[in-house]
All heavy atoms as atom14 arrays in JSON, in Angstrom:
{
  "sequence": "SIKAIGEKQITPKFLDALAEKFSAVQWQKIQTDASKATGWVYEIIKKL",
  "atom14_mask": [
    [1, 1, 1, 1, 1, 1, 0, 0, 0, 0, 0, 0, 0, 0],
    [1, 1, 1, 1, 1, 1, 1, 1, 0, 0, 0, 0, 0, 0],
    [1, 1, 1, 1, 1, 1, 1, 1, 1, 0, 0, 0, 0, 0],
    [1, 1, 1, 1, 1, 0, 0, 0, 0, 0, 0, 0, 0, 0],
    [1, 1, 1, 1, 1, 1, 1, 1, 0, 0, 0, 0, 0, 0],
    [1, 1, 1, 1, 0, 0, 0, 0, 0, 0, 0, 0, 0, 0],
    [1, 1, 1, 1, 1, 1, 1, 1, 1, 0, 0, 0, 0, 0],
    [1, 1, 1, 1, 1, 1, 1, 1, 1, 0, 0, 0, 0, 0],
    [1, 1, 1, 1, 1, 1, 1, 1, 1, 0, 0, 0, 0, 0],
    [1, 1, 1, 1, 1, 1, 1, 1, 0, 0, 0, 0, 0, 0],
    [1, 1, 1, 1, 1, 1, 1, 0, 0, 0, 0, 0, 0, 0],
    [1, 1, 1, 1, 1, 1, 1, 0, 0, 0, 0, 0, 0, 0],
    [1, 1, 1, 1, 1, 1, 1, 1, 1, 0, 0, 0, 0, 0],
    [1, 1, 1, 1, 1, 1, 1, 1, 1, 1, 1, 0, 0, 0],
    [1, 1, 1, 1, 1, 1, 1, 1, 0, 0, 0, 0, 0, 0],
    [1, 1, 1, 1, 1, 1, 1, 1, 0, 0, 0, 0, 0, 0],
    [1, 1, 1, 1, 1, 0, 0, 0, 0, 0, 0, 0, 0, 0],
    [1, 1, 1, 1, 1, 1, 1, 1, 0, 0, 0, 0, 0, 0],
    [1, 1, 1, 1, 1, 0, 0, 0, 0, 0, 0, 0, 0, 0],
    [1, 1, 1, 1, 1, 1, 1, 1, 1, 0, 0, 0, 0, 0],
    [1, 1, 1, 1, 1, 1, 1, 1, 1, 0, 0, 0, 0, 0],
    [1, 1, 1, 1, 1, 1, 1, 1, 1, 1, 1, 0, 0, 0],
    [1, 1, 1, 1, 1, 1, 0, 0, 0, 0, 0, 0, 0, 0],
    [1, 1, 1, 1, 1, 0, 0, 0, 0, 0, 0, 0, 0, 0],
    [1, 1, 1, 1, 1, 1, 1, 0, 0, 0, 0, 0, 0, 0],
    [1, 1, 1, 1, 1, 1, 1, 1, 1, 0, 0, 0, 0, 0],
    [1, 1, 1, 1, 1, 1, 1, 1, 1, 1, 1, 1, 1, 1],
    [1, 1, 1, 1, 1, 1, 1, 1, 1, 0, 0, 0, 0, 0],
    [1, 1, 1, 1, 1, 1, 1, 1, 1, 0, 0, 0, 0, 0],
    [1, 1, 1, 1, 1, 1, 1, 1, 0, 0, 0, 0, 0, 0],
    [1, 1, 1, 1, 1, 1, 1, 1, 1, 0, 0, 0, 0, 0],
    [1, 1, 1, 1, 1, 1, 1, 0, 0, 0, 0, 0, 0, 0],
    [1, 1, 1, 1, 1, 1, 1, 1, 0, 0, 0, 0, 0, 0],
    [1, 1, 1, 1, 1, 0, 0, 0, 0, 0, 0, 0, 0, 0],
    [1, 1, 1, 1, 1, 1, 0, 0, 0, 0, 0, 0, 0, 0],
    [1, 1, 1, 1, 1, 1, 1, 1, 1, 0, 0, 0, 0, 0],
    [1, 1, 1, 1, 1, 0, 0, 0, 0, 0, 0, 0, 0, 0],
    [1, 1, 1, 1, 1, 1, 1, 0, 0, 0, 0, 0, 0, 0],
    [1, 1, 1, 1, 0, 0, 0, 0, 0, 0, 0, 0, 0, 0],
    [1, 1, 1, 1, 1, 1, 1, 1, 1, 1, 1, 1, 1, 1],
    [1, 1, 1, 1, 1, 1, 1, 0, 0, 0, 0, 0, 0, 0],
    [1, 1, 1, 1, 1, 1, 1, 1, 1, 1, 1, 1, 0, 0],
    [1, 1, 1, 1, 1, 1, 1, 1, 1, 0, 0, 0, 0, 0],
    [1, 1, 1, 1, 1, 1, 1, 1, 0, 0, 0, 0, 0, 0],
    [1, 1, 1, 1, 1, 1, 1, 1, 0, 0, 0, 0, 0, 0],
    [1, 1, 1, 1, 1, 1, 1, 1, 1, 0, 0, 0, 0, 0],
    [1, 1, 1, 1, 1, 1, 1, 1, 1, 0, 0, 0, 0, 0],
    [1, 1, 1, 1, 1, 1, 1, 1, 0, 0, 0, 0, 0, 0]
  ],
  "atom14_positions": [
    [[12.72, -3.7, -8.26], [11.37, -3.47, -8.77], [10.32, -3.98, -7.78], [9.32, -3.3, -7.51], [11.18, -4.17, -10.12], [12.0, -3.59, -11.1], [0.0, 0.0, 0.0], [0.0, 0.0, 0.0], [0.0, 0.0, 0.0], [0.0, 0.0, 0.0], [0.0, 0.0, 0.0], [0.0, 0.0, 0.0], [0.0, 0.0, 0.0], [0.0, 0.0, 0.0]],
    [[10.56, -5.16, -7.25], [9.62, -5.74, -6.28], [9.57, -4.88, -5.02], [8.49, -4.59, -4.49], [10.02, -7.19, -5.95], [9.83, -8.08, -7.18], [9.22, -7.72, -4.77], [10.38, -9.49, -7.01], [0.0, 0.0, 0.0], [0.0, 0.0, 0.0], [0.0, 0.0, 0.0], [0.0, 0.0, 0.0], [0.0, 0.0, 0.0], [0.0, 0.0, 0.0]],
    [[10.73, -4.45, -4.54], [10.78, -3.61, -3.35], [10.08, -2.28, -3.58], [9.44, -1.73, -2.67], [12.23, -3.36, -2.93], [12.91, -4.52, -2.24], [14.31, -4.12, -1.81], [14.99, -5.21, -0.99], [16.35, -4.79, -0.55], [0.0, 0.0, 0.0], [0.0, 0.0, 0.0], [0.0, 0.0, 0.0], [0.0, 0.0, 0.0], [0.0, 0.0, 0.0]],
    [[10.21, -1.73, -4.79], [9.61, -0.43, -5.1], [8.09, -0.49, -5.03], [7.44, 0.46, -4.6], [10.05, 0.03, -6.5], [0.0, 0.0, 0.0], [0.0, 0.0, 0.0], [0.0, 0.0, 0.0], [0.0, 0.0, 0.0], [0.0, 0.0, 0.0], [0.0, 0.0, 0.0], [0.0, 0.0, 0.0], [0.0, 0.0, 0.0], [0.0, 0.0, 0.0]],
    [[7.51, -1.64, -5.45], [6.06, -1.8, -5.36], [5.62, -2.02, -3.92], [4.64, -1.44, -3.46], [5.6, -2.98, -6.24], [5.92, -2.71, -7.71], [4.11, -3.24, -6.06], [5.2, -1.52, -8.31], [0.0, 0.0, 0.0], [0.0, 0.0, 0.0], [0.0, 0.0, 0.0], [0.0, 0.0, 0.0], [0.0, 0.0, 0.0], [0.0, 0.0, 0.0]],
    [[6.37, -2.84, -3.2], [6.03, -3.09, -1.79], [5.24, -4.38, -1.62], [4.41, -4.72, -2.47], [0.0, 0.0, 0.0], [0.0, 0.0, 0.0], [0.0, 0.0, 0.0], [0.0, 0.0, 0.0], [0.0, 0.0, 0.0], [0.0, 0.0, 0.0], [0.0, 0.0, 0.0], [0.0, 0.0, 0.0], [0.0, 0.0, 0.0], [0.0, 0.0, 0.0]],
    [[5.49, -5.07, -0.52], [4.87, -6.38, -0.28], [3.35, -6.34, -0.32], [2.7, -7.23, -0.86], [5.34, -6.93, 1.08], [4.84, -8.32, 1.39], [5.4, -8.87, 2.68], [6.05, -8.1, 3.43], [5.19, -10.07, 2.95], [0.0, 0.0, 0.0], [0.0, 0.0, 0.0], [0.0, 0.0, 0.0], [0.0, 0.0, 0.0], [0.0, 0.0, 0.0]],
    [[2.76, -5.28, 0.25], [1.3, -5.19, 0.34], [0.64, -4.73, -0.95], [-0.57, -4.91, -1.14], [0.91, -4.21, 1.46], [1.48, -4.54, 2.83], [1.0, -5.9, 3.32], [1.55, -6.19, 4.72], [1.14, -7.53, 5.21], [0.0, 0.0, 0.0], [0.0, 0.0, 0.0], [0.0, 0.0, 0.0], [0.0, 0.0, 0.0], [0.0, 0.0, 0.0]],
    [[1.43, -4.15, -1.87], [0.86, -3.6, -3.1], [1.11, -4.48, -4.34], [0.68, -4.15, -5.43], [1.43, -2.2, -3.37], [0.84, -1.1, -2.5], [1.31, -1.16, -1.06], [2.5, -1.37, -0.79], [0.39, -0.99, -0.12], [0.0, 0.0, 0.0], [0.0, 0.0, 0.0], [0.0, 0.0, 0.0], [0.0, 0.0, 0.0], [0.0, 0.0, 0.0]],
    [[1.81, -5.59, -4.15], [2.08, -6.48, -5.27], [0.77, -7.07, -5.79], [-0.04, -7.58, -5.02], [3.03, -7.63, -4.84], [4.43, -7.09, -4.52], [3.1, -8.7, -5.92], [5.24, -6.69, -5.71], [0.0, 0.0, 0.0], [0.0, 0.0, 0.0], [0.0, 0.0, 0.0], [0.0, 0.0, 0.0], [0.0, 0.0, 0.0], [0.0, 0.0, 0.0]],
    [[0.58, -7.01, -7.09], [-0.64, -7.55, -7.7], [-0.3, -8.65, -8.7], [0.82, -8.69, -9.23], [-1.42, -6.45, -8.45], [-0.61, -5.98, -9.55], [-1.75, -5.28, -7.54], [0.0, 0.0, 0.0], [0.0, 0.0, 0.0], [0.0, 0.0, 0.0], [0.0, 0.0, 0.0], [0.0, 0.0, 0.0], [0.0, 0.0, 0.0], [0.0, 0.0, 0.0]],
    [[-1.25, -9.55, -8.99], [-1.01, -10.58, -10.0], [-0.66, -9.97, -11.35], [0.17, -10.53, -12.08], [-2.35, -11.32, -10.05], [-2.93, -11.14, -8.68], [-2.54, -9.73, -8.3], [0.0, 0.0, 0.0], [0.0, 0.0, 0.0], [0.0, 0.0, 0.0], [0.0, 0.0, 0.0], [0.0, 0.0, 0.0], [0.0, 0.0, 0.0], [0.0, 0.0, 0.0]],
    [[-1.27, -8.86, -11.69], [-1.0, -8.2, -12.97], [0.46, -7.76, -13.05], [1.13, -7.95, -14.08], [-1.9, -6.98, -13.14], [-1.74, -6.26, -14.47], [-2.71, -5.09, -14.59], [-2.52, -4.38, -15.93], [-3.45, -3.22, -16.05], [0.0, 0.0, 0.0], [0.0, 0.0, 0.0], [0.0, 0.0, 0.0], [0.0, 0.0, 0.0], [0.0, 0.0, 0.0]],
    [[0.98, -7.19, -11.95], [2.39, -6.77, -11.92], [3.31, -7.98, -12.05], [4.28, -7.95, -12.8], [2.7, -6.03, -10.62], [4.16, -5.78, -10.41], [4.82, -4.75, -11.06], [4.9, -6.6, -9.56], [6.17, -4.53, -10.89], [6.26, -6.39, -9.37], [6.89, -5.35, -10.04], [0.0, 0.0, 0.0], [0.0, 0.0, 0.0], [0.0, 0.0, 0.0]],
    [[2.98, -9.05, -11.33], [3.83, -10.25, -11.36], [3.84, -10.87, -12.75], [4.88, -11.34, -13.22], [3.34, -11.26, -10.32], [3.53, -10.84, -8.86], [2.97, -11.91, -7.93], [4.99, -10.58, -8.54], [0.0, 0.0, 0.0], [0.0, 0.0, 0.0], [0.0, 0.0, 0.0], [0.0, 0.0, 0.0], [0.0, 0.0, 0.0], [0.0, 0.0, 0.0]],
    [[2.68, -10.87, -13.42], [2.63, -11.41, -14.78], [3.51, -10.59, -15.72], [4.22, -11.13, -16.57], [1.18, -11.4, -15.29], [0.33, -12.48, -14.64], [0.9, -13.41, -14.06], [-0.92, -12.37, -14.7], [0.0, 0.0, 0.0], [0.0, 0.0, 0.0], [0.0, 0.0, 0.0], [0.0, 0.0, 0.0], [0.0, 0.0, 0.0], [0.0, 0.0, 0.0]],
    [[3.44, -9.26, -15.56], [4.24, -8.38, -16.41], [5.73, -8.58, -16.14], [6.55, -8.6, -17.07], [3.86, -6.92, -16.16], [0.0, 0.0, 0.0], [0.0, 0.0, 0.0], [0.0, 0.0, 0.0], [0.0, 0.0, 0.0], [0.0, 0.0, 0.0], [0.0, 0.0, 0.0], [0.0, 0.0, 0.0], [0.0, 0.0, 0.0], [0.0, 0.0, 0.0]],
    [[6.09, -8.73, -14.87], [7.49, -8.95, -14.5], [7.97, -10.3, -15.01], [9.1, -10.43, -15.52], [7.65, -8.87, -12.98], [9.06, -9.11, -12.41], [10.07, -8.15, -13.01], [9.03, -8.97, -10.88], [0.0, 0.0, 0.0], [0.0, 0.0, 0.0], [0.0, 0.0, 0.0], [0.0, 0.0, 0.0], [0.0, 0.0, 0.0], [0.0, 0.0, 0.0]],
    [[7.13, -11.31, -14.9], [7.5, -12.66, -15.33], [7.87, -12.71, -16.8], [8.77, -13.45, -17.21], [6.35, -13.63, -15.05], [0.0, 0.0, 0.0], [0.0, 0.0, 0.0], [0.0, 0.0, 0.0], [0.0, 0.0, 0.0], [0.0, 0.0, 0.0], [0.0, 0.0, 0.0], [0.0, 0.0, 0.0], [0.0, 0.0, 0.0], [0.0, 0.0, 0.0]],
    [[7.2, -11.9, -17.6], [7.43, -11.91, -19.04], [8.74, -11.24, -19.46], [9.15, -11.36, -20.62], [6.26, -11.21, -19.75], [4.95, -11.98, -19.65], [3.8, -11.23, -20.28], [4.02, -10.08, -20.74], [2.69, -11.76, -20.29], [0.0, 0.0, 0.0], [0.0, 0.0, 0.0], [0.0, 0.0, 0.0], [0.0, 0.0, 0.0], [0.0, 0.0, 0.0]],
    [[9.38, -10.55, -18.54], [10.6, -9.82, -18.88], [11.81, -10.74, -19.04], [12.82, -10.33, -19.63], [10.9, -8.77, -17.8], [9.83, -7.69, -17.66], [9.68, -6.88, -18.94], [8.57, -5.86, -18.83], [8.41, -5.08, -20.08], [0.0, 0.0, 0.0], [0.0, 0.0, 0.0], [0.0, 0.0, 0.0], [0.0, 0.0, 0.0], [0.0, 0.0, 0.0]],
    [[11.72, -11.95, -18.53], [12.88, -12.85, -18.58], [12.46, -14.26, -18.98], [11.32, -14.67, -18.75], [13.6, -12.89, -17.23], [14.01, -11.54, -16.72], [13.25, -10.88, -15.77], [15.16, -10.93, -17.21], [13.62, -9.62, -15.31], [15.53, -9.67, -16.76], [14.77, -9.02, -15.81], [0.0, 0.0, 0.0], [0.0, 0.0, 0.0], [0.0, 0.0, 0.0]],
    [[13.39, -15.0, -19.55], [13.13, -16.38, -19.95], [13.21, -17.31, -18.74], [13.67, -16.91, -17.65], [14.16, -16.82, -20.98], [15.46, -16.9, -20.39], [0.0, 0.0, 0.0], [0.0, 0.0, 0.0], [0.0, 0.0, 0.0], [0.0, 0.0, 0.0], [0.0, 0.0, 0.0], [0.0, 0.0, 0.0], [0.0, 0.0, 0.0], [0.0, 0.0, 0.0]],
    [[12.82, -18.56, -18.93], [12.87, -19.53, -17.85], [14.31, -19.72, -17.35], [14.56, -19.82, -16.14], [12.3, -20.87, -18.33], [0.0, 0.0, 0.0], [0.0, 0.0, 0.0], [0.0, 0.0, 0.0], [0.0, 0.0, 0.0], [0.0, 0.0, 0.0], [0.0, 0.0, 0.0], [0.0, 0.0, 0.0], [0.0, 0.0, 0.0], [0.0, 0.0, 0.0]],
    [[15.25, -19.77, -18.29], [16.67, -19.92, -17.92], [17.13, -18.72, -17.11], [17.84, -18.87, -16.09], [17.54, -20.07, -19.19], [19.02, -20.04, -18.82], [17.21, -21.36, -19.91], [0.0, 0.0, 0.0], [0.0, 0.0, 0.0], [0.0, 0.0, 0.0], [0.0, 0.0, 0.0], [0.0, 0.0, 0.0], [0.0, 0.0, 0.0], [0.0, 0.0, 0.0]],
    [[16.74, -17.53, -17.53], [17.13, -16.32, -16.81], [16.53, -16.3, -15.4], [17.2, -15.92, -14.44], [16.69, -15.07, -17.58], [17.5, -14.81, -18.84], [16.94, -13.67, -19.67], [15.73, -13.61, -19.94], [17.8, -12.74, -20.06], [0.0, 0.0, 0.0], [0.0, 0.0, 0.0], [0.0, 0.0, 0.0], [0.0, 0.0, 0.0], [0.0, 0.0, 0.0]],
    [[15.29, -16.74, -15.29], [14.64, -16.76, -13.97], [15.35, -17.72, -13.01], [15.47, -17.45, -11.81], [13.16, -17.13, -14.09], [12.28, -15.94, -14.35], [11.53, -15.68, -15.46], [12.08, -14.82, -13.47], [10.88, -14.46, -15.33], [11.19, -13.93, -14.12], [12.55, -14.49, -12.2], [10.78, -12.72, -13.54], [12.15, -13.29, -11.62], [11.27, -12.43, -12.28]],
    [[15.84, -18.83, -13.52], [16.57, -19.76, -12.66], [17.87, -19.13, -12.15], [18.24, -19.29, -10.98], [16.88, -21.06, -13.43], [15.65, -21.89, -13.76], [14.81, -22.24, -12.55], [15.33, -22.71, -11.53], [13.5, -22.01, -12.64], [0.0, 0.0, 0.0], [0.0, 0.0, 0.0], [0.0, 0.0, 0.0], [0.0, 0.0, 0.0], [0.0, 0.0, 0.0]],
    [[18.54, -18.38, -13.02], [19.76, -17.69, -12.61], [19.44, -16.6, -11.59], [20.18, -16.4, -10.62], [20.46, -17.07, -13.83], [21.08, -18.1, -14.77], [21.75, -17.42, -15.95], [22.39, -18.43, -16.88], [23.04, -17.77, -18.06], [0.0, 0.0, 0.0], [0.0, 0.0, 0.0], [0.0, 0.0, 0.0], [0.0, 0.0, 0.0], [0.0, 0.0, 0.0]],
    [[18.34, -15.9, -11.82], [17.93, -14.83, -10.9], [17.61, -15.42, -9.53], [18.01, -14.88, -8.5], [16.71, -14.08, -11.47], [17.12, -13.25, -12.69], [16.09, -13.16, -10.4], [15.96, -12.66, -13.46], [0.0, 0.0, 0.0], [0.0, 0.0, 0.0], [0.0, 0.0, 0.0], [0.0, 0.0, 0.0], [0.0, 0.0, 0.0], [0.0, 0.0, 0.0]],
    [[16.91, -16.55, -9.52], [16.56, -17.19, -8.25], [17.81, -17.58, -7.46], [17.92, -17.34, -6.25], [15.7, -18.43, -8.48], [15.33, -19.14, -7.17], [14.58, -20.45, -7.4], [14.09, -20.7, -8.49], [14.49, -21.27, -6.36], [0.0, 0.0, 0.0], [0.0, 0.0, 0.0], [0.0, 0.0, 0.0], [0.0, 0.0, 0.0], [0.0, 0.0, 0.0]],
    [[18.77, -18.17, -8.16], [20.02, -18.58, -7.51], [20.77, -17.38, -6.96], [21.26, -17.39, -5.83], [20.92, -19.33, -8.5], [20.23, -20.49, -8.99], [22.22, -19.76, -7.84], [0.0, 0.0, 0.0], [0.0, 0.0, 0.0], [0.0, 0.0, 0.0], [0.0, 0.0, 0.0], [0.0, 0.0, 0.0], [0.0, 0.0, 0.0], [0.0, 0.0, 0.0]],
    [[20.84, -16.33, -7.76], [21.59, -15.12, -7.38], [20.92, -14.38, -6.24], [21.59, -13.71, -5.44], [21.7, -14.21, -8.61], [22.78, -13.14, -8.45], [23.73, -13.35, -7.67], [22.68, -12.11, -9.13], [0.0, 0.0, 0.0], [0.0, 0.0, 0.0], [0.0, 0.0, 0.0], [0.0, 0.0, 0.0], [0.0, 0.0, 0.0], [0.0, 0.0, 0.0]],
    [[19.58, -14.51, -6.13], [18.82, -13.73, -5.14], [18.63, -14.48, -3.82], [17.81, -14.07, -2.99], [17.46, -13.37, -5.72], [0.0, 0.0, 0.0], [0.0, 0.0, 0.0], [0.0, 0.0, 0.0], [0.0, 0.0, 0.0], [0.0, 0.0, 0.0], [0.0, 0.0, 0.0], [0.0, 0.0, 0.0], [0.0, 0.0, 0.0], [0.0, 0.0, 0.0]],
    [[19.39, -15.53, -3.61], [19.19, -16.39, -2.43], [19.28, -15.65, -1.09], [18.68, -16.06, -0.1], [20.19, -17.54, -2.44], [21.53, -17.04, -2.4], [0.0, 0.0, 0.0], [0.0, 0.0, 0.0], [0.0, 0.0, 0.0], [0.0, 0.0, 0.0], [0.0, 0.0, 0.0], [0.0, 0.0, 0.0], [0.0, 0.0, 0.0], [0.0, 0.0, 0.0]],
    [[20.01, -14.53, -1.07], [20.17, -13.78, 0.18], [19.29, -12.54, 0.24], [19.45, -11.69, 1.11], [21.64, -13.39, 0.38], [22.55, -14.59, 0.59], [23.99, -14.16, 0.86], [24.89, -15.37, 1.08], [26.3, -14.98, 1.33], [0.0, 0.0, 0.0], [0.0, 0.0, 0.0], [0.0, 0.0, 0.0], [0.0, 0.0, 0.0], [0.0, 0.0, 0.0]],
    [[18.35, -12.44, -0.69], [17.43, -11.29, -0.7], [16.47, -11.39, 0.49], [16.31, -12.46, 1.09], [16.65, -11.25, -2.01], [0.0, 0.0, 0.0], [0.0, 0.0, 0.0], [0.0, 0.0, 0.0], [0.0, 0.0, 0.0], [0.0, 0.0, 0.0], [0.0, 0.0, 0.0], [0.0, 0.0, 0.0], [0.0, 0.0, 0.0], [0.0, 0.0, 0.0]],
    [[15.83, -10.28, 0.82], [14.83, -10.26, 1.88], [13.81, -11.38, 1.66], [13.39, -11.63, 0.52], [14.09, -8.9, 1.88], [15.06, -7.86, 2.0], [13.11, -8.81, 3.03], [0.0, 0.0, 0.0], [0.0, 0.0, 0.0], [0.0, 0.0, 0.0], [0.0, 0.0, 0.0], [0.0, 0.0, 0.0], [0.0, 0.0, 0.0], [0.0, 0.0, 0.0]],
    [[13.41, -12.03, 2.75], [12.54, -13.2, 2.69], [11.36, -13.12, 1.75], [11.2, -13.96, 0.85], [0.0, 0.0, 0.0], [0.0, 0.0, 0.0], [0.0, 0.0, 0.0], [0.0, 0.0, 0.0], [0.0, 0.0, 0.0], [0.0, 0.0, 0.0], [0.0, 0.0, 0.0], [0.0, 0.0, 0.0], [0.0, 0.0, 0.0], [0.0, 0.0, 0.0]],
    [[10.51, -12.1, 1.91], [9.3, -12.01, 1.08], [9.63, -11.74, -0.39], [8.92, -12.21, -1.28], [8.35, -10.94, 1.62], [8.79, -9.51, 1.49], [9.54, -8.8, 2.37], [8.51, -8.63, 0.39], [9.76, -7.52, 1.89], [9.13, -7.39, 0.7], [7.81, -8.75, -0.82], [9.07, -6.29, -0.16], [7.74, -7.66, -1.66], [8.36, -6.44, -1.34]],
    [[10.72, -11.01, -0.62], [11.15, -10.74, -1.99], [11.61, -12.04, -2.65], [11.24, -12.34, -3.79], [12.29, -9.69, -2.03], [12.83, -9.54, -3.44], [11.8, -8.36, -1.49], [0.0, 0.0, 0.0], [0.0, 0.0, 0.0], [0.0, 0.0, 0.0], [0.0, 0.0, 0.0], [0.0, 0.0, 0.0], [0.0, 0.0, 0.0], [0.0, 0.0, 0.0]],
    [[12.39, -12.83, -1.92], [12.89, -14.09, -2.47], [11.76, -15.06, -2.77], [11.8, -15.77, -3.78], [13.89, -14.74, -1.51], [14.43, -16.04, -2.05], [15.35, -16.05, -3.1], [13.99, -17.26, -1.55], [15.83, -17.24, -3.63], [14.47, -18.46, -2.07], [15.38, -18.44, -3.11], [15.84, -19.62, -3.65], [0.0, 0.0, 0.0], [0.0, 0.0, 0.0]],
    [[10.74, -15.08, -1.9], [9.61, -15.98, -2.13], [8.89, -15.65, -3.43], [8.46, -16.55, -4.17], [8.64, -15.91, -0.94], [9.12, -16.63, 0.3], [9.45, -18.09, 0.03], [8.61, -18.78, -0.58], [10.54, -18.54, 0.42], [0.0, 0.0, 0.0], [0.0, 0.0, 0.0], [0.0, 0.0, 0.0], [0.0, 0.0, 0.0], [0.0, 0.0, 0.0]],
    [[8.77, -14.37, -3.73], [8.13, -13.94, -4.97], [8.99, -14.37, -6.17], [8.48, -14.89, -7.17], [7.92, -12.42, -4.99], [6.8, -12.05, -4.01], [7.58, -11.92, -6.39], [6.59, -10.56, -3.84], [0.0, 0.0, 0.0], [0.0, 0.0, 0.0], [0.0, 0.0, 0.0], [0.0, 0.0, 0.0], [0.0, 0.0, 0.0], [0.0, 0.0, 0.0]],
    [[10.3, -14.17, -6.04], [11.21, -14.55, -7.13], [11.16, -16.06, -7.35], [11.15, -16.53, -8.49], [12.65, -14.1, -6.81], [12.73, -12.57, -6.86], [13.66, -14.73, -7.77], [14.05, -11.99, -6.41], [0.0, 0.0, 0.0], [0.0, 0.0, 0.0], [0.0, 0.0, 0.0], [0.0, 0.0, 0.0], [0.0, 0.0, 0.0], [0.0, 0.0, 0.0]],
    [[11.12, -16.83, -6.27], [11.06, -18.29, -6.37], [9.78, -18.73, -7.09], [9.82, -19.61, -7.96], [11.12, -18.92, -4.98], [11.19, -20.44, -4.99], [11.33, -20.98, -3.57], [11.49, -22.5, -3.58], [10.32, -23.17, -4.19], [0.0, 0.0, 0.0], [0.0, 0.0, 0.0], [0.0, 0.0, 0.0], [0.0, 0.0, 0.0], [0.0, 0.0, 0.0]],
    [[8.67, -18.1, -6.76], [7.4, -18.45, -7.41], [7.44, -18.13, -8.9], [6.97, -18.91, -9.73], [6.25, -17.68, -6.75], [5.9, -18.19, -5.35], [4.78, -17.36, -4.74], [4.46, -17.85, -3.33], [3.4, -17.03, -2.68], [0.0, 0.0, 0.0], [0.0, 0.0, 0.0], [0.0, 0.0, 0.0], [0.0, 0.0, 0.0], [0.0, 0.0, 0.0]],
    [[8.03, -16.98, -9.24], [8.13, -16.59, -10.65], [9.05, -17.54, -11.42], [8.78, -17.89, -12.57], [8.63, -15.15, -10.76], [7.65, -14.06, -10.3], [8.32, -12.7, -10.31], [6.42, -14.04, -11.19], [0.0, 0.0, 0.0], [0.0, 0.0, 0.0], [0.0, 0.0, 0.0], [0.0, 0.0, 0.0], [0.0, 0.0, 0.0], [0.0, 0.0, 0.0]]
  ]
}
């Protein structure tokens, strides 16, 4: 989903909507699982 939007087109509104799709526990699992994702994508996931 993040890749589909693109690094330059990511907006706070999109990130807020994405953040609401998963619980805090789920986000921690996603962060761990995404450790080898593309740098900018991982940074967004870490922030979320």
